[in-house]
Amino acid sequence: MQVFVQTVGIAGPGLDGWEASSPILAGRTEHRMAPTVCRIPDILSAAERRRSNGAARLAIMAAQEALRAGGLNGDSIATVFASSDGDGDITQHICESLADAAREVSPTSFHNSVNNAPAGYWSIATKSHLASTSVCAYDMSFAAGLLEAACYATVERQPVMLIASDLPFPFPLHRIRPVEQSFAAAFLLTPAAERPGPMRWQISLDPRHTATPFPSWVPDSLRSNAAARCLPLLTAVAKNHAETVALEYTESSRVVVLCEPAGEA
C-alpha cells in the first residue's frame, strides 16, 4: 500500500504543535519537558465544548491542526481514530459511581466513555458523513490504525485522517496501566497519484524487521503512551529523508513503512 502524508498535527509534553515540534523531531532543537498543552479545539461548537471529555479534546486538537494545514474540508475526509485506553478519568469516575451505594452514572460520562467518542465529536464538528473507524489494539493501537487508514485510502481512493491519542490513567487505575504523559498525533493521508504530498509511505507487513526504537531524546515517561509509538514516523516526516520504520504489531509481524520524500520517485 502506498499513501502520501500531506500534513501532521501533534500534541505532547514539550511538543506543542507541528511547527514547534518538527525541529525537535529532526534533531535540530533540544527537547525540553513541559506539560502537554491541551487547548479546547475551536472547531467544536460551544455545546460540544461543554460536553466533550479530555480524550476527545486532545485527539481533535491534533486533528484540527492537520486539517487546517492540509487545504481540505473536514467533511471530505474519512477518519481512523486509534486509542489504547480511551479516557482513563472517565473510566475511573464510572467505576467509582458504580461502587457507590446509589450506583448512578452520569449520561454524559457514559457517552464519553466509549472508544469512539472522539470520532463522534469530530463528525459533528466537521459535519462529515464519511466513514469513521475507531481502533483499539492495546500497545499496537497506532500500528493497527495505520493499517486501517492505509487500506481505506488505497481501496476507496479517498483522503483519510489518522488520529492516535492516549492519556494517563489516574490512581488507582494507574497501577495497572501506568501511562505517564498525554500524547496525540494526526496524519492527513491521501492515496497515491490522487494528491501527492511532501512524503510518500509504502506500507507492508513483514516478520523479519526489528521494531524501530524510540528516538533517543524521548523521555521514559512518554514511552509508556501507546500513541507515542508513532514518534519514529513523525521523526522521518520531520527529517524528510528516506528511512524505513518498523512498528511492532503482532508476535509474528511488523508494520513496515518505507518513508521517502515524494520528489524521489
Protein backbone atom coordinates (compact mmCIF):
# COMPACT_ATOMS: atom_id res chain seq x y z
CA MET A 1 0.00 0.00 0.00
CA GLN A 2 1.17 3.50 -0.78
CA VAL A 3 -0.08 6.78 0.68
CA PHE A 4 1.12 10.36 0.79
CA VAL A 5 1.49 12.30 4.04
CA GLN A 6 0.01 15.75 3.50
CA THR A 7 0.14 17.34 6.95
CA VAL A 8 0.69 16.44 10.59
CA GLY A 9 -0.69 17.59 13.93
CA ILE A 10 0.93 16.82 17.28
CA ALA A 11 0.37 17.48 20.98
CA GLY A 12 2.60 16.09 23.69
CA PRO A 13 4.92 17.03 26.56
CA GLY A 14 7.22 19.70 25.16
CA LEU A 15 5.65 19.14 21.71
CA ASP A 16 3.19 21.95 21.16
CA GLY A 17 2.11 21.71 17.54
CA TRP A 18 3.95 20.66 14.39
CA GLU A 19 5.72 23.95 13.69
CA ALA A 20 7.34 24.00 17.13
CA SER A 21 7.91 20.23 17.28
CA SER A 22 9.40 19.45 13.86
CA PRO A 23 12.85 20.94 14.70
CA ILE A 24 12.88 18.79 17.86
CA LEU A 25 11.91 15.67 15.94
CA ALA A 26 14.52 16.39 13.29
CA GLY A 27 17.22 16.76 15.95
CA ARG A 28 17.89 20.45 15.29
CA THR A 29 16.47 21.67 18.61
CA GLU A 30 16.76 20.19 22.09
CA HIS A 31 13.60 18.74 23.55
CA ARG A 32 12.52 20.29 26.85
CA MET A 33 9.92 18.62 29.02
CA ALA A 34 6.79 20.64 29.66
CA PRO A 35 3.18 19.70 30.35
CA THR A 36 1.13 18.80 27.28
CA VAL A 37 -0.82 21.85 26.18
CA CYS A 38 -4.42 20.73 25.64
CA ARG A 39 -6.49 23.59 24.29
CA ILE A 40 -10.20 23.17 23.71
CA PRO A 41 -10.49 22.92 19.91
CA ASP A 42 -12.38 25.86 18.48
CA ILE A 43 -13.70 23.64 15.70
CA LEU A 44 -16.16 22.34 18.33
CA SER A 45 -19.36 24.27 18.91
CA ALA A 46 -19.97 25.80 22.33
CA ALA A 47 -22.32 22.95 23.26
CA GLU A 48 -19.84 20.26 22.24
CA ARG A 49 -17.02 22.01 24.06
CA ARG A 50 -19.05 21.73 27.26
CA ARG A 51 -19.92 18.05 26.69
CA SER A 52 -16.56 16.84 25.38
CA ASN A 53 -14.06 15.00 27.53
CA GLY A 54 -10.29 15.14 27.72
CA ALA A 55 -9.75 12.29 25.26
CA ALA A 56 -11.89 13.94 22.59
CA ARG A 57 -10.31 17.35 23.07
CA LEU A 58 -6.77 16.01 22.83
CA ALA A 59 -7.45 13.95 19.70
CA ILE A 60 -9.40 16.70 17.96
CA MET A 61 -6.78 19.32 18.80
CA ALA A 62 -4.17 17.35 16.84
CA ALA A 63 -6.62 16.58 14.04
CA GLN A 64 -7.66 20.22 13.77
CA GLU A 65 -4.04 21.27 13.29
CA ALA A 66 -3.50 18.74 10.48
CA LEU A 67 -6.82 19.66 8.85
CA ARG A 68 -6.16 23.41 8.77
CA ALA A 69 -2.70 22.89 7.27
CA GLY A 70 -3.96 20.48 4.61
CA GLY A 71 -6.23 22.58 2.43
CA LEU A 72 -9.13 20.11 2.62
CA ASN A 73 -12.53 20.34 4.27
CA GLY A 74 -13.27 18.10 7.22
CA ASP A 75 -16.44 16.78 5.58
CA SER A 76 -14.36 15.40 2.69
CA ILE A 77 -12.02 13.31 4.86
CA ALA A 78 -12.71 9.90 6.38
CA THR A 79 -11.16 9.23 9.77
CA VAL A 80 -9.47 6.50 11.76
CA PHE A 81 -9.11 7.11 15.50
CA ALA A 82 -6.65 4.88 17.36
CA SER A 83 -6.50 4.74 21.15
CA SER A 84 -5.27 2.09 23.51
CA ASP A 85 -7.19 3.22 26.58
CA GLY A 86 -9.71 5.94 25.78
CA ASP A 87 -10.31 8.31 28.69
CA GLY A 88 -8.95 6.98 31.98
CA ASP A 89 -10.52 9.75 34.06
CA ILE A 90 -13.98 8.85 32.75
CA THR A 91 -13.34 5.14 33.29
CA GLN A 92 -12.35 5.71 36.90
CA HIS A 93 -15.28 8.08 37.51
CA ILE A 94 -17.75 5.45 36.27
CA CYS A 95 -16.10 2.74 38.38
CA GLU A 96 -16.37 4.95 41.46
CA SER A 97 -20.02 5.70 40.67
CA LEU A 98 -20.83 2.00 40.33
CA ALA A 99 -19.06 1.27 43.61
CA ASP A 100 -21.17 3.88 45.38
CA ALA A 101 -24.42 2.87 47.08
CA ALA A 102 -26.51 4.92 44.63
CA ARG A 103 -24.83 3.37 41.56
CA GLU A 104 -25.75 6.41 39.45
CA VAL A 105 -23.74 7.05 36.29
CA SER A 106 -23.93 10.42 34.55
CA PRO A 107 -25.31 10.07 30.99
CA THR A 108 -22.61 12.46 29.78
CA SER A 109 -19.90 10.36 31.43
CA PHE A 110 -21.38 7.24 29.87
CA HIS A 111 -21.39 8.54 26.30
CA ASN A 112 -17.88 9.94 26.78
CA SER A 113 -16.64 6.55 27.99
CA VAL A 114 -16.95 4.76 24.65
CA ASN A 115 -13.86 4.43 22.48
CA ASN A 116 -15.44 6.23 19.52
CA ALA A 117 -16.46 9.35 21.47
CA PRO A 118 -13.73 11.47 19.79
CA ALA A 119 -14.96 10.28 16.38
CA GLY A 120 -18.48 11.39 17.26
CA TYR A 121 -17.40 14.86 18.31
CA TRP A 122 -15.24 15.19 15.18
CA SER A 123 -18.06 14.21 12.81
CA ILE A 124 -20.39 16.73 14.48
CA ALA A 125 -17.76 19.47 14.28
CA THR A 126 -16.92 18.85 10.61
CA LYS A 127 -20.44 17.78 9.53
CA SER A 128 -18.83 14.72 7.98
CA HIS A 129 -20.93 11.76 6.84
CA LEU A 130 -17.89 9.78 5.65
CA ALA A 131 -16.59 6.58 7.17
CA SER A 132 -15.03 6.70 10.62
CA THR A 133 -13.37 3.77 12.36
CA SER A 134 -12.18 3.64 15.96
CA VAL A 135 -9.39 1.14 16.62
CA CYS A 136 -8.11 -0.27 19.90
CA ALA A 137 -5.25 -2.78 19.98
CA TYR A 138 -3.51 -2.09 23.29
CA ASP A 139 0.10 -1.01 22.74
CA MET A 140 -0.19 -1.74 18.99
CA SER A 141 -3.16 0.61 18.50
CA PHE A 142 -1.24 3.07 16.31
CA ALA A 143 0.06 0.31 14.04
CA ALA A 144 -3.45 -1.13 13.71
CA GLY A 145 -4.84 2.33 12.98
CA LEU A 146 -2.18 2.96 10.33
CA LEU A 147 -3.08 -0.27 8.54
CA GLU A 148 -6.78 0.63 8.67
CA ALA A 149 -6.15 4.12 7.29
CA ALA A 150 -3.82 2.90 4.54
CA CYS A 151 -6.35 0.25 3.48
CA TYR A 152 -9.10 2.86 3.27
CA ALA A 153 -7.01 5.29 1.21
CA THR A 154 -5.88 2.50 -1.12
CA VAL A 155 -9.27 0.87 -1.68
CA GLU A 156 -11.55 3.92 -1.61
CA ARG A 157 -9.10 6.29 -3.33
CA GLN A 158 -10.06 8.97 -0.84
CA PRO A 159 -8.15 11.01 1.77
CA VAL A 160 -8.23 9.84 5.37
CA MET A 161 -7.14 11.33 8.70
CA LEU A 162 -5.37 9.01 11.14
CA ILE A 163 -5.52 10.25 14.73
CA ALA A 164 -3.75 8.44 17.59
CA SER A 165 -4.12 9.61 21.18
CA ASP A 166 -3.86 8.39 24.76
CA LEU A 167 -3.96 9.99 28.20
CA PRO A 168 -2.68 8.95 31.65
CA PHE A 169 -4.87 6.96 34.00
CA PRO A 170 -5.46 8.42 37.47
CA PHE A 171 -4.74 6.41 40.59
CA PRO A 172 -5.62 3.68 41.44
CA LEU A 173 -6.14 2.53 37.82
CA HIS A 174 -2.70 3.94 37.05
CA ARG A 175 -1.24 0.91 38.85
CA ILE A 176 -2.48 -1.43 36.11
CA ARG A 177 -1.90 0.95 33.18
CA PRO A 178 1.00 3.25 34.14
CA VAL A 179 0.77 5.81 31.34
CA GLU A 180 2.60 8.95 32.44
CA GLN A 181 2.00 11.59 29.77
CA SER A 182 -0.71 12.70 27.33
CA PHE A 183 0.09 12.48 23.63
CA ALA A 184 -1.75 12.79 20.31
CA ALA A 185 -0.75 12.87 16.67
CA ALA A 186 -2.76 13.24 13.47
CA PHE A 187 -1.73 12.40 9.91
CA LEU A 188 -3.65 13.58 6.87
CA LEU A 189 -3.09 10.84 4.27
CA THR A 190 -4.07 10.76 0.62
CA PRO A 191 -3.93 7.90 -1.90
CA ALA A 192 -1.10 7.58 -4.38
CA ALA A 193 -1.38 9.71 -7.53
CA GLU A 194 -4.50 11.48 -6.26
CA ARG A 195 -2.89 14.33 -4.32
CA PRO A 196 0.87 13.83 -3.92
CA GLY A 197 2.13 15.18 -0.62
CA PRO A 198 5.62 16.01 0.67
CA MET A 199 6.30 12.43 1.81
CA ARG A 200 5.38 9.01 0.48
CA TRP A 201 4.81 5.99 2.71
CA GLN A 202 4.90 2.46 1.34
CA ILE A 203 3.33 0.20 3.96
CA SER A 204 3.56 -3.56 4.29
CA LEU A 205 3.67 -6.38 6.84
CA ASP A 206 6.96 -8.20 7.32
CA PRO A 207 8.06 -10.65 10.06
CA ARG A 208 11.77 -10.06 9.53
CA HIS A 209 12.20 -6.48 10.65
CA THR A 210 13.22 -5.44 14.15
CA ALA A 211 10.99 -2.72 15.54
CA THR A 212 12.44 0.78 15.23
CA PRO A 213 13.26 2.17 18.69
CA PHE A 214 12.10 5.48 20.06
CA PRO A 215 14.37 8.42 19.23
CA SER A 216 16.98 8.79 21.99
CA TRP A 217 15.60 12.09 23.25
CA VAL A 218 12.16 10.66 24.10
CA PRO A 219 11.82 10.52 27.91
CA ASP A 220 10.75 7.31 29.62
CA SER A 221 7.58 9.00 30.84
CA LEU A 222 6.41 9.43 27.23
CA ARG A 223 7.40 5.95 26.06
CA SER A 224 4.62 4.45 28.19
CA ASN A 225 2.00 6.15 26.00
CA ALA A 226 0.85 3.77 23.24
CA ALA A 227 0.02 6.58 20.81
CA ALA A 228 3.59 7.88 21.12
CA ARG A 229 4.80 4.78 19.27
CA CYS A 230 4.29 6.85 16.13
CA LEU A 231 7.26 9.06 17.08
CA PRO A 232 9.73 7.24 14.76
CA LEU A 233 7.39 8.05 11.86
CA LEU A 234 6.99 11.65 12.98
CA THR A 235 10.78 11.87 13.08
CA ALA A 236 11.02 10.59 9.49
CA VAL A 237 8.50 13.20 8.34
CA ALA A 238 10.35 15.99 10.15
CA LYS A 239 13.71 14.96 8.68
CA ASN A 240 12.16 14.50 5.21
CA HIS A 241 14.61 11.89 4.01
CA ALA A 242 14.37 8.24 3.07
CA GLU A 243 14.06 5.93 6.04
CA THR A 244 12.49 2.58 6.90
CA VAL A 245 10.45 2.44 10.09
CA ALA A 246 9.18 -0.85 11.56
CA LEU A 247 6.38 -0.77 14.13
CA GLU A 248 5.52 -3.62 16.49
CA TYR A 249 2.21 -5.21 15.51
CA THR A 250 1.84 -8.89 16.32
CA GLU A 251 4.19 -11.55 17.67
CA SER A 252 4.94 -12.65 14.11
CA SER A 253 4.80 -9.43 12.08
CA ARG A 254 5.80 -5.79 11.95
CA VAL A 255 4.15 -2.90 10.12
CA VAL A 256 6.98 -1.70 7.90
CA VAL A 257 6.84 1.82 6.46
CA LEU A 258 9.27 2.89 3.75
CA CYS A 259 9.36 6.69 4.05
CA GLU A 260 10.75 8.80 1.23
CA PRO A 261 10.36 12.37 0.02
CA ALA A 262 7.70 12.42 -2.66
CA GLY A 263 10.07 14.09 -5.10
CA GLU A 264 12.24 10.99 -5.15
CA ALA A 265 10.27 8.63 -7.41
